[in-house]
Amino acid sequence: MSSGDSESGGGFNLFDAEERVLAAAARLQRRLTNADPDTRQGVEALTEAYSRSVREQRRLVKVSDRLQNQLANLNQELGKRRAEAEEALAQLKETQETLVQAEKLASLGALVGGVAHEINTPVGIALSCASHLADSTKRLAALFEADDIGVEDFQAYLATATDTARLIQANCERAAALIGSFKQVAVDRTSSERRNFELAGYIAETLSSLSPKLRQNGHKVVIDCPAGIEMDGYPGALSQVLTNLVLNSATHGYDLGQSGTLRIAVEQPAPDQIRLVYSDDGKGIPEEYRNRVFDPFFTTRRGQGGTGLGLHILYNLVTGPMQGTVAMESESGGGTRFVLTFPRLIADKS
């Protein structure tokens, strides 16, 4: 609104009454030409003071109009900036979600690679045994066709067949167990479905899938979990949490070529509460980093394969699907300890 709009916009003069008073004062002054000088001067002084007051009011109205215009422009600019900030925040959240999913898939990929490497050994042994049995069978068949088979030949074949069959069966069972363990863990990772599971067995399955990575670095895992704890929750979240803890220790807890011991201890402070303590005996976390370990994208291995999302994902899983809490304790040179507390039975979301 301009000053003209304030004073005369729409046919309305804001100072119409003041102007009438000033006109009346001017007429009064003309009638007082021959009046007493003191009276005339007093009326002139009052008229001048009132006139100055009206001029000041007009100036203030113009200043007010200018400030209102500036405020309107600022509000418009603020709205624009807010919209831009909200759009940028939405893009940031989308990018972060994409990176989090990529990190989850990367850990699943590492799990697949480790299990594939683990399965390769029993499958390779079973294949070698089957090939050896086939060769022995072929030789025995040739002797039979030539009617040159003896008791010793047959006994040697039976011994070979017995040993190779035993080895084939044992290694196929080993491969089947690995595949079954991996299948359940992989399904839990990708489906995020709620189900019942036995805690000690599931921890063992998850750590079994990580055994190639641990053996490669010479690490040992000690699991202390009472048998028979039945959970009702999201095993995929627990598997991801344990994987991130182990990989975090393997990546950050030890220097190259150094091996250590990783421990998982589980107890029940109450019938429906689980307390899981994960610890390693590595080099610990420096004090200046301890308050930032759960922050997204924080890593001390930037450019060396660290994304800074592992412990951030862990925190979100524990406080989200698992409905629990997590705390970190560490001393430089004294290892790292994570304390997770979560319910045995996940509450339904209303």
Protein backbone atom coordinates (compact mmCIF):
# COMPACT_ATOMS: atom_id res chain seq x y z
CA MET A 1 0.00 0.00 0.00
CA SER A 2 1.47 3.38 -1.04
CA SER A 3 1.04 6.67 0.80
CA GLY A 4 -1.42 7.79 -1.84
CA ASP A 5 -3.43 4.62 -1.27
CA SER A 6 -3.40 5.30 2.48
CA GLU A 7 -4.62 8.83 2.18
CA SER A 8 -6.94 8.75 -0.81
CA GLY A 9 -7.22 5.17 -2.09
CA GLY A 10 -10.78 4.22 -2.91
CA GLY A 11 -11.96 7.86 -2.48
CA PHE A 12 -11.08 7.89 1.24
CA ASN A 13 -8.75 10.54 2.67
CA LEU A 14 -7.14 9.33 5.89
CA PHE A 15 -6.47 12.90 7.00
CA ASP A 16 -9.81 14.44 5.93
CA ALA A 17 -10.79 15.39 9.51
CA GLU A 18 -7.36 16.98 10.18
CA GLU A 19 -7.55 18.99 6.97
CA ARG A 20 -11.00 20.32 7.96
CA VAL A 21 -9.62 21.35 11.35
CA LEU A 22 -6.69 23.16 9.67
CA ALA A 23 -9.07 24.95 7.26
CA ALA A 24 -11.25 26.04 10.20
CA ALA A 25 -8.14 27.26 12.03
CA ALA A 26 -7.11 29.29 8.97
CA ARG A 27 -10.57 30.92 8.83
CA LEU A 28 -10.36 31.66 12.55
CA GLN A 29 -6.98 33.32 12.08
CA ARG A 30 -8.42 35.58 9.36
CA ARG A 31 -11.26 36.67 11.64
CA LEU A 32 -8.80 37.43 14.41
CA THR A 33 -6.84 39.99 12.36
CA ASN A 34 -7.94 42.84 14.59
CA ALA A 35 -8.05 40.80 17.80
CA ASP A 36 -5.76 41.03 20.79
CA PRO A 37 -2.15 40.23 19.70
CA ASP A 38 -1.69 37.65 22.46
CA THR A 39 -4.86 35.83 21.46
CA ARG A 40 -3.88 35.92 17.76
CA GLN A 41 -0.37 34.62 18.49
CA GLY A 42 -1.75 31.86 20.70
CA VAL A 43 -4.12 30.68 17.97
CA GLU A 44 -1.30 30.80 15.38
CA ALA A 45 0.99 28.79 17.68
CA LEU A 46 -1.70 26.16 18.24
CA THR A 47 -2.45 26.00 14.52
CA GLU A 48 1.25 25.60 13.66
CA ALA A 49 1.71 22.89 16.29
CA TYR A 50 -1.31 21.00 15.00
CA SER A 51 -0.06 21.38 11.43
CA ARG A 52 3.33 19.94 12.40
CA SER A 53 1.54 17.05 14.10
CA VAL A 54 -0.44 16.30 10.93
CA ARG A 55 2.72 16.44 8.80
CA GLU A 56 4.47 14.03 11.18
CA GLN A 57 1.50 11.68 10.99
CA ARG A 58 1.64 11.76 7.19
CA ARG A 59 5.36 10.96 7.31
CA LEU A 60 4.77 8.07 9.71
CA VAL A 61 2.04 6.68 7.45
CA LYS A 62 4.45 6.75 4.48
CA VAL A 63 7.13 5.02 6.57
CA SER A 64 4.58 2.43 7.71
CA ASP A 65 3.50 1.78 4.12
CA ARG A 66 7.11 1.36 3.03
CA LEU A 67 7.83 -1.03 5.90
CA GLN A 68 4.70 -3.04 5.11
CA ASN A 69 5.81 -3.34 1.48
CA GLN A 70 9.26 -4.47 2.61
CA LEU A 71 7.70 -6.97 5.06
CA ALA A 72 5.45 -8.35 2.33
CA ASN A 73 8.49 -8.78 0.05
CA LEU A 74 10.44 -10.45 2.87
CA ASN A 75 7.54 -12.81 3.59
CA GLN A 76 7.34 -13.69 -0.08
CA GLU A 77 11.11 -14.33 -0.23
CA LEU A 78 10.94 -16.31 3.00
CA GLY A 79 8.18 -18.48 1.57
CA LYS A 80 10.25 -19.08 -1.53
CA ARG A 81 13.35 -20.00 0.49
CA ARG A 82 11.29 -22.27 2.72
CA ALA A 83 9.90 -24.11 -0.29
CA GLU A 84 13.44 -24.50 -1.66
CA ALA A 85 14.67 -25.76 1.73
CA GLU A 86 11.82 -28.29 1.99
CA GLU A 87 12.56 -29.53 -1.53
CA ALA A 88 16.28 -29.83 -0.71
CA LEU A 89 15.43 -31.70 2.53
CA ALA A 90 13.18 -34.10 0.63
CA GLN A 91 15.95 -34.75 -1.90
CA LEU A 92 18.45 -35.25 0.93
CA LYS A 93 16.16 -37.77 2.65
CA GLU A 94 15.64 -39.60 -0.64
CA THR A 95 19.40 -39.67 -1.27
CA GLN A 96 20.09 -40.86 2.27
CA GLU A 97 17.47 -43.61 1.96
CA THR A 98 19.05 -44.69 -1.33
CA LEU A 99 22.50 -44.81 0.30
CA VAL A 100 21.15 -46.72 3.29
CA GLN A 101 19.54 -49.29 1.00
CA ALA A 102 22.78 -49.52 -0.98
CA GLU A 103 24.69 -50.12 2.26
CA LYS A 104 22.25 -52.87 3.25
CA LEU A 105 22.59 -54.50 -0.16
CA ALA A 106 26.37 -54.18 0.06
CA SER A 107 26.42 -56.05 3.38
CA LEU A 108 24.06 -58.65 1.89
CA GLY A 109 26.42 -58.92 -1.07
CA ALA A 110 29.32 -59.51 1.32
CA LEU A 111 27.20 -62.18 3.01
CA VAL A 112 26.49 -63.84 -0.34
CA GLY A 113 30.17 -63.77 -1.27
CA GLY A 114 31.20 -65.25 2.08
CA VAL A 115 28.61 -68.02 1.95
CA ALA A 116 29.49 -68.83 -1.67
CA HIS A 117 33.13 -69.15 -0.64
CA GLU A 118 32.14 -71.28 2.35
CA ILE A 119 29.93 -73.60 0.28
CA ASN A 120 32.63 -74.00 -2.35
CA THR A 121 34.74 -76.19 -0.03
CA PRO A 122 32.22 -78.98 0.79
CA VAL A 123 30.83 -78.91 -2.74
CA GLY A 124 34.36 -79.22 -4.16
CA ILE A 125 35.15 -82.15 -1.86
CA ALA A 126 31.87 -83.88 -2.73
CA LEU A 127 32.56 -83.37 -6.45
CA SER A 128 36.07 -84.82 -6.14
CA CYS A 129 34.75 -87.81 -4.21
CA ALA A 130 32.00 -88.39 -6.76
CA SER A 131 34.56 -88.22 -9.57
CA HIS A 132 36.85 -90.69 -7.74
CA LEU A 133 33.90 -93.04 -7.13
CA ALA A 134 32.93 -92.84 -10.79
CA ASP A 135 36.50 -93.74 -11.84
CA SER A 136 36.57 -96.67 -9.40
CA THR A 137 33.19 -97.87 -10.66
CA LYS A 138 34.40 -97.62 -14.26
CA ARG A 139 37.50 -99.70 -13.46
CA LEU A 140 35.43 -102.32 -11.64
CA ALA A 141 32.99 -102.47 -14.58
CA ALA A 142 35.92 -103.01 -16.97
CA LEU A 143 37.22 -105.88 -14.83
CA PHE A 144 33.72 -107.37 -14.73
CA GLU A 145 33.35 -107.16 -18.53
CA ALA A 146 36.73 -108.84 -18.95
CA ASP A 147 35.71 -111.53 -16.45
CA ASP A 148 38.88 -110.66 -14.56
CA ILE A 149 37.39 -109.44 -11.29
CA GLY A 150 38.71 -110.86 -8.05
CA VAL A 151 37.65 -110.75 -4.42
CA GLU A 152 40.40 -108.27 -3.56
CA ASP A 153 39.30 -105.97 -6.40
CA PHE A 154 35.71 -106.06 -5.17
CA GLN A 155 36.72 -105.49 -1.53
CA ALA A 156 38.92 -102.54 -2.56
CA TYR A 157 35.99 -101.07 -4.50
CA LEU A 158 33.65 -101.50 -1.53
CA ALA A 159 36.13 -99.70 0.75
CA THR A 160 36.48 -96.86 -1.75
CA ALA A 161 32.72 -96.61 -2.25
CA THR A 162 32.08 -96.59 1.49
CA ASP A 163 34.63 -93.86 2.20
CA THR A 164 33.67 -91.67 -0.75
CA ALA A 165 29.92 -92.06 -0.03
CA ARG A 166 30.51 -91.03 3.57
CA LEU A 167 32.53 -87.99 2.48
CA ILE A 168 29.97 -87.05 -0.18
CA GLN A 169 27.12 -87.29 2.32
CA ALA A 170 28.94 -85.33 5.04
CA ASN A 171 29.96 -82.52 2.70
CA CYS A 172 26.54 -82.34 1.04
CA GLU A 173 24.94 -82.07 4.48
CA ARG A 174 27.43 -79.34 5.35
CA ALA A 175 26.60 -77.46 2.14
CA ALA A 176 22.86 -77.93 2.73
CA ALA A 177 23.18 -76.55 6.27
CA LEU A 178 25.07 -73.51 4.98
CA ILE A 179 22.52 -72.95 2.24
CA GLY A 180 19.63 -73.29 4.69
CA SER A 181 21.25 -70.88 7.12
CA PHE A 182 22.01 -68.37 4.39
CA LYS A 183 18.54 -68.72 2.87
CA GLN A 184 16.80 -67.83 6.13
CA VAL A 185 19.14 -64.94 6.89
CA ALA A 186 18.87 -63.60 3.33
CA VAL A 187 15.06 -63.85 3.36
CA ASP A 188 14.95 -62.04 6.70
CA ARG A 189 17.22 -59.30 5.35
CA THR A 190 15.13 -58.64 2.27
CA SER A 191 11.59 -59.20 3.56
CA SER A 192 11.70 -57.44 6.98
CA GLU A 193 8.89 -59.73 8.10
CA ARG A 194 8.00 -60.38 11.69
CA ARG A 195 8.18 -63.98 12.90
CA ASN A 196 9.08 -66.21 15.84
CA PHE A 197 12.66 -67.42 16.14
CA GLU A 198 15.03 -68.90 18.70
CA LEU A 199 17.63 -66.29 19.63
CA ALA A 200 20.74 -68.43 20.25
CA GLY A 201 20.29 -70.42 17.03
CA TYR A 202 19.68 -67.30 14.95
CA ILE A 203 22.78 -65.56 16.31
CA ALA A 204 24.80 -68.68 15.45
CA GLU A 205 23.33 -68.72 11.91
CA THR A 206 24.18 -65.07 11.33
CA LEU A 207 27.74 -65.44 12.63
CA SER A 208 28.18 -68.63 10.57
CA SER A 209 27.47 -66.65 7.42
CA LEU A 210 30.21 -64.20 8.44
CA SER A 211 32.79 -66.88 9.29
CA PRO A 212 34.78 -66.54 6.02
CA LYS A 213 35.37 -62.84 6.71
CA LEU A 214 36.34 -63.57 10.31
CA ARG A 215 38.69 -66.43 9.43
CA GLN A 216 40.31 -64.31 6.74
CA ASN A 217 41.36 -61.82 9.42
CA GLY A 218 42.05 -64.43 12.09
CA HIS A 219 39.29 -63.21 14.42
CA LYS A 220 37.56 -65.50 16.91
CA VAL A 221 33.93 -65.15 17.98
CA VAL A 222 32.66 -66.20 21.41
CA ILE A 223 28.88 -66.46 21.80
CA ASP A 224 27.33 -66.70 25.26
CA CYS A 225 23.57 -66.93 24.81
CA PRO A 226 21.20 -69.13 26.83
CA ALA A 227 19.33 -71.67 24.72
CA GLY A 228 15.57 -71.59 24.45
CA ILE A 229 14.93 -67.83 24.33
CA GLU A 230 11.98 -67.54 21.95
CA MET A 231 11.72 -64.19 20.18
CA ASP A 232 8.77 -62.59 18.40
CA GLY A 233 10.13 -59.81 16.26
CA TYR A 234 12.15 -58.94 13.19
CA PRO A 235 15.11 -61.32 12.79
CA GLY A 236 16.28 -59.47 9.67
CA ALA A 237 16.88 -56.36 11.76
CA LEU A 238 18.83 -58.36 14.35
CA SER A 239 20.90 -60.03 11.62
CA GLN A 240 21.73 -56.64 10.08
CA VAL A 241 22.70 -55.26 13.50
CA LEU A 242 25.03 -58.17 14.26
CA THR A 243 26.55 -57.99 10.77
CA ASN A 244 27.22 -54.27 11.10
CA LEU A 245 28.81 -54.74 14.52
CA VAL A 246 31.11 -57.51 13.30
CA LEU A 247 32.08 -55.69 10.11
CA ASN A 248 32.65 -52.47 12.05
CA SER A 249 35.07 -54.28 14.36
CA ALA A 250 36.82 -56.01 11.47
CA THR A 251 37.15 -52.75 9.52
CA HIS A 252 37.94 -50.23 12.24
CA GLY A 253 38.83 -52.13 15.41
CA TYR A 254 42.13 -53.71 14.38
CA ASP A 255 45.20 -52.76 12.42
CA LEU A 256 46.09 -54.65 9.26
CA GLY A 257 47.19 -58.21 10.11
CA GLN A 258 46.00 -57.94 13.71
CA SER A 259 43.45 -60.46 15.00
CA GLY A 260 41.23 -60.37 18.04
CA THR A 261 38.25 -61.80 19.88
CA LEU A 262 34.67 -60.66 19.33
CA ARG A 263 32.16 -61.49 22.04
CA ILE A 264 28.36 -61.63 22.10
CA ALA A 265 26.76 -62.06 25.52
CA VAL A 266 23.00 -62.28 26.00
CA GLU A 267 21.02 -62.18 29.22
CA GLN A 268 17.41 -61.61 30.32
CA PRO A 269 17.13 -58.89 33.00
CA ALA A 270 13.38 -59.53 32.89
CA PRO A 271 11.26 -62.28 31.26
CA ASP A 272 10.34 -60.07 28.30
CA GLN A 273 13.56 -58.06 28.04
CA ILE A 274 16.79 -58.94 26.25
CA ARG A 275 20.17 -57.39 26.95
CA LEU A 276 22.79 -58.12 24.28
CA VAL A 277 26.36 -56.95 24.83
CA TYR A 278 28.72 -56.97 21.86
CA SER A 279 32.40 -56.26 22.48
CA ASP A 280 35.80 -56.52 20.83
CA ASP A 281 39.33 -56.21 22.17
CA GLY A 282 40.51 -53.87 19.42
CA LYS A 283 42.05 -50.42 19.58
CA GLY A 284 38.85 -48.67 20.65
CA ILE A 285 37.42 -45.36 19.50
CA PRO A 286 39.21 -42.05 20.16
CA GLU A 287 37.37 -39.79 22.61
CA GLU A 288 36.73 -37.04 20.05
CA TYR A 289 34.73 -39.47 17.87
CA ARG A 290 32.60 -41.23 20.50
CA ASN A 291 29.67 -38.83 20.37
CA ARG A 292 29.48 -39.08 16.58
CA VAL A 293 29.63 -42.82 15.87
CA PHE A 294 25.87 -43.07 15.20
CA ASP A 295 25.77 -39.96 12.98
CA PRO A 296 25.02 -40.62 9.30
CA PHE A 297 28.04 -40.49 6.97
CA PHE A 298 30.54 -40.19 9.82
CA THR A 299 33.58 -42.39 9.20
CA THR A 300 37.28 -42.34 9.93
CA ARG A 301 37.92 -44.40 6.78
CA ARG A 302 36.73 -41.94 4.13
CA GLY A 303 38.23 -42.97 0.79
CA GLN A 304 39.13 -46.41 2.16
CA GLY A 305 35.77 -48.11 1.76
CA GLY A 306 34.01 -46.54 4.75
CA THR A 307 30.58 -45.03 4.09
CA GLY A 308 29.71 -43.89 7.60
CA LEU A 309 26.31 -45.62 7.44
CA GLY A 310 26.96 -48.91 9.23
CA LEU A 311 26.40 -47.75 12.82
CA HIS A 312 23.76 -45.24 11.71
CA ILE A 313 21.75 -48.10 10.21
CA LEU A 314 22.35 -50.12 13.38
CA TYR A 315 20.99 -47.30 15.56
CA ASN A 316 17.88 -46.90 13.39
CA LEU A 317 17.21 -50.66 13.42
CA VAL A 318 17.59 -51.01 17.19
CA THR A 319 15.47 -47.95 18.03
CA GLY A 320 13.00 -48.64 15.18
CA PRO A 321 11.90 -52.19 14.30
CA MET A 322 13.52 -53.71 17.39
CA GLN A 323 11.96 -51.05 19.69
CA GLY A 324 15.07 -50.92 21.86
CA THR A 325 18.03 -48.79 22.86
CA VAL A 326 21.74 -48.93 22.11
CA ALA A 327 24.71 -47.38 23.90
CA MET A 328 28.39 -47.43 23.05
CA GLU A 329 31.27 -47.66 25.53
CA SER A 330 34.87 -47.40 24.40
CA GLU A 331 38.31 -46.49 25.61
CA SER A 332 41.21 -45.73 23.34
CA GLY A 333 43.29 -48.90 23.22
CA GLY A 334 40.76 -50.77 25.34
CA GLY A 335 38.27 -52.16 22.84
CA THR A 336 34.70 -51.19 22.07
CA ARG A 337 31.46 -52.32 23.72
CA PHE A 338 27.87 -51.91 22.48
CA VAL A 339 24.97 -52.56 24.87
CA LEU A 340 21.63 -53.31 23.19
CA THR A 341 18.40 -53.62 25.16
CA PHE A 342 15.21 -54.65 23.40
CA PRO A 343 11.95 -56.49 24.14
CA ARG A 344 11.59 -60.22 23.57
CA LEU A 345 8.11 -59.66 22.16
CA ILE A 346 7.78 -56.71 19.82
CA ALA A 347 4.71 -54.60 20.62
CA ASP A 348 2.13 -54.13 17.90
CA LYS A 349 2.05 -50.65 16.40
CA SER A 350 -1.34 -49.03 16.84
